[in-house]
Amino acid sequence: MNGRSNDGVIATGNAQVRNAVVASGSNARVDFRVTEREADDAADGRTLTPQEISDLLARFIEDLRRSDHPEREDLAEFAQDAREELAAPEPRTGKLRRVAKALVEAVPGFAALASLAVTIEEAVRGL
């Protein structure tokens, strides 16, 4: 090996993450669309269960509360509402899709949160 290491993507300033695409820099913007089939493929070729999506949301809430996002408590409450919806006998997928999309749109400058939010959004599409 040449002595250099790969620490993954490190983005400072404005950064936006969508799926496996990262944009970093002044006025960074990513526009990436994922089909339902690609969302299923992203979940290791299978659709995630409501419980698995709820677990992802729990992780998102924990990460969000540790972040310095200015709306972290409101977003955490919003994500918790989605977890409660997932626990319903017949979860309303339209509502879950709107919540997942809103979470993605709320955290573009927080790379780790954005990546997790995209994973959640893709999983919800598979319901």
Protein backbone atom coordinates (compact mmCIF):
# COMPACT_ATOMS: atom_id res chain seq x y z
CA MET A 1 0.00 0.00 0.00
CA ASN A 2 1.17 3.55 -0.64
CA GLY A 3 0.66 4.81 2.93
CA ARG A 4 -2.49 6.78 2.14
CA SER A 5 -5.76 5.89 3.79
CA ASN A 6 -9.33 6.25 2.67
CA ASP A 7 -11.48 7.89 5.32
CA GLY A 8 -14.55 7.95 3.08
CA VAL A 9 -16.17 11.20 2.07
CA ILE A 10 -15.43 14.21 4.23
CA ALA A 11 -17.53 17.22 3.30
CA THR A 12 -17.32 20.62 4.96
CA GLY A 13 -19.46 23.67 4.46
CA ASN A 14 -22.53 23.09 2.38
CA ALA A 15 -22.99 19.41 1.62
CA GLN A 16 -25.86 17.42 0.26
CA VAL A 17 -26.13 13.62 0.23
CA ARG A 18 -28.61 11.58 -1.80
CA ASN A 19 -28.23 7.82 -1.84
CA ALA A 20 -24.64 7.21 -2.95
CA VAL A 21 -24.17 10.70 -4.40
CA VAL A 22 -22.48 13.53 -2.49
CA ALA A 23 -22.17 17.17 -3.48
CA SER A 24 -19.94 19.44 -1.44
CA GLY A 25 -19.04 23.08 -1.82
CA SER A 26 -20.68 26.43 -2.28
CA ASN A 27 -24.31 26.00 -3.34
CA ALA A 28 -23.94 22.21 -3.32
CA ARG A 29 -26.96 20.43 -4.77
CA VAL A 30 -27.74 16.81 -5.57
CA ASP A 31 -30.76 15.73 -7.56
CA PHE A 32 -30.97 11.95 -7.51
CA ARG A 33 -34.09 9.88 -8.04
CA VAL A 34 -34.53 6.33 -6.80
CA THR A 35 -37.16 4.00 -8.21
CA GLU A 36 -39.04 1.58 -5.97
CA ARG A 37 -37.03 -1.27 -7.49
CA GLU A 38 -33.76 0.49 -6.66
CA ALA A 39 -35.03 1.16 -3.14
CA ASP A 40 -35.67 -2.56 -2.72
CA ASP A 41 -32.20 -3.34 -4.08
CA ALA A 42 -30.71 -0.85 -1.60
CA ALA A 43 -32.27 -2.91 1.17
CA ASP A 44 -30.17 -5.95 0.18
CA GLY A 45 -32.71 -7.10 -2.37
CA ARG A 46 -35.61 -7.23 0.03
CA THR A 47 -38.24 -4.91 1.37
CA LEU A 48 -37.69 -3.78 4.95
CA THR A 49 -40.39 -4.54 7.48
CA PRO A 50 -42.18 -1.76 9.34
CA GLN A 51 -40.19 -2.78 12.46
CA GLU A 52 -36.89 -2.46 10.60
CA ILE A 53 -37.91 0.98 9.32
CA SER A 54 -38.94 1.93 12.85
CA ASP A 55 -35.48 0.88 14.04
CA LEU A 56 -33.89 3.11 11.38
CA LEU A 57 -36.07 5.99 12.55
CA ALA A 58 -34.99 5.37 16.16
CA ARG A 59 -31.36 5.57 15.05
CA PHE A 60 -32.14 8.74 13.09
CA ILE A 61 -33.73 10.29 16.20
CA GLU A 62 -30.69 9.43 18.33
CA ASP A 63 -28.27 10.82 15.75
CA LEU A 64 -30.43 13.90 15.28
CA ARG A 65 -30.51 14.65 19.01
CA ARG A 66 -26.70 14.43 19.13
CA SER A 67 -26.40 16.82 16.19
CA ASP A 68 -26.46 20.60 16.25
CA HIS A 69 -29.38 20.80 13.82
CA PRO A 70 -31.40 23.89 14.77
CA GLU A 71 -34.74 22.02 14.49
CA ARG A 72 -33.58 18.74 16.01
CA GLU A 73 -36.32 18.44 18.63
CA ASP A 74 -39.17 19.18 16.20
CA LEU A 75 -37.71 16.77 13.65
CA ALA A 76 -37.22 14.11 16.32
CA GLU A 77 -40.87 14.46 17.32
CA PHE A 78 -41.88 14.22 13.65
CA ALA A 79 -39.80 11.05 13.21
CA GLN A 80 -41.30 9.59 16.40
CA ASP A 81 -44.78 10.18 14.96
CA ALA A 82 -43.69 8.10 11.96
CA ARG A 83 -42.55 5.31 14.28
CA GLU A 84 -45.98 5.31 15.91
CA GLU A 85 -47.62 5.17 12.48
CA LEU A 86 -45.45 2.17 11.57
CA ALA A 87 -46.71 0.39 14.69
CA ALA A 88 -50.34 0.76 13.58
CA PRO A 89 -52.11 -2.36 12.30
CA GLU A 90 -52.46 -0.68 8.86
CA PRO A 91 -49.74 1.99 8.55
CA ARG A 92 -50.70 4.84 6.20
CA THR A 93 -47.96 4.64 3.58
CA GLY A 94 -48.83 8.02 2.08
CA LYS A 95 -48.24 9.71 5.41
CA LEU A 96 -45.01 7.77 5.93
CA ARG A 97 -43.75 8.79 2.49
CA ARG A 98 -44.44 12.46 3.24
CA VAL A 99 -42.62 12.21 6.58
CA ALA A 100 -39.64 10.44 5.00
CA LYS A 101 -39.41 13.04 2.22
CA ALA A 102 -39.64 15.89 4.75
CA LEU A 103 -36.83 14.36 6.84
CA VAL A 104 -34.59 14.11 3.77
CA GLU A 105 -35.31 17.72 2.86
CA ALA A 106 -34.67 18.94 6.42
CA VAL A 107 -31.12 17.61 6.83
CA PRO A 108 -29.17 18.20 3.59
CA GLY A 109 -26.24 19.90 5.35
CA PHE A 110 -25.83 17.06 7.84
CA ALA A 111 -24.23 14.28 5.80
CA ALA A 112 -24.70 11.37 8.23
CA LEU A 113 -28.31 12.32 8.94
CA ALA A 114 -29.00 12.89 5.25
CA SER A 115 -27.65 9.46 4.33
CA LEU A 116 -29.78 7.78 6.99
CA ALA A 117 -32.84 9.83 5.99
CA VAL A 118 -32.42 8.71 2.37
CA THR A 119 -32.21 5.08 3.52
CA ILE A 120 -35.46 5.57 5.47
CA GLU A 121 -37.15 7.23 2.49
CA GLU A 122 -36.12 4.38 0.20
CA ALA A 123 -37.33 1.77 2.69
CA VAL A 124 -40.71 3.49 3.10
CA ARG A 125 -41.16 3.42 -0.69
CA GLY A 126 -40.90 -0.34 -0.47
CA LEU A 127 -43.88 -0.69 1.90
